[in-house]
């Protein structure tokens, strides 16, 4: 998808699809684990944050909301998810400068849960999802609903912002 000088019809379809995917993933009662093997800027970072657990390849890959570097203001739902994930002050710094960080720094600030060698990403993701699946669904559902609070309805109201 071209984001630079996009065709209006294509960008509208892309944006609506991204919002739909984001809402489904962020509000699902199913466990989700992100296995991040490469760079994860902007929308990739957003979708990773929608997951319950995030594992990223250590080394060169970077993750973050870099919209500011591109002269774009990150949408409200990107910013809110970022703040919910890494905290207000860290999000303020990273969003203000459009920063991306490597897996080690991302782990330190809570953006990812593990920073591992490339060959360990999928085995660690499988182990992580196994832990989530071992929890009875009704207990996990109650915890997820409690954490989301009224966020789901706010997301739906703000989805086109």
Foldseek 3Di string as FASTA:
>chain_A
DDPPPDDVVVVVVVLVVLLVLLLCLLQPLAADEALAEAAQEASSLSSRLSHPAYEYEADDHWYYHQVVVVVHQRAPSSLVSVCVQQNDPVSCVCRVRSDIDGPVVCCVRRSHVYHHHNVCRVVVRVVVSVVVVVDDSVVSSVVSCVVCPCVSVVCVVRSVD
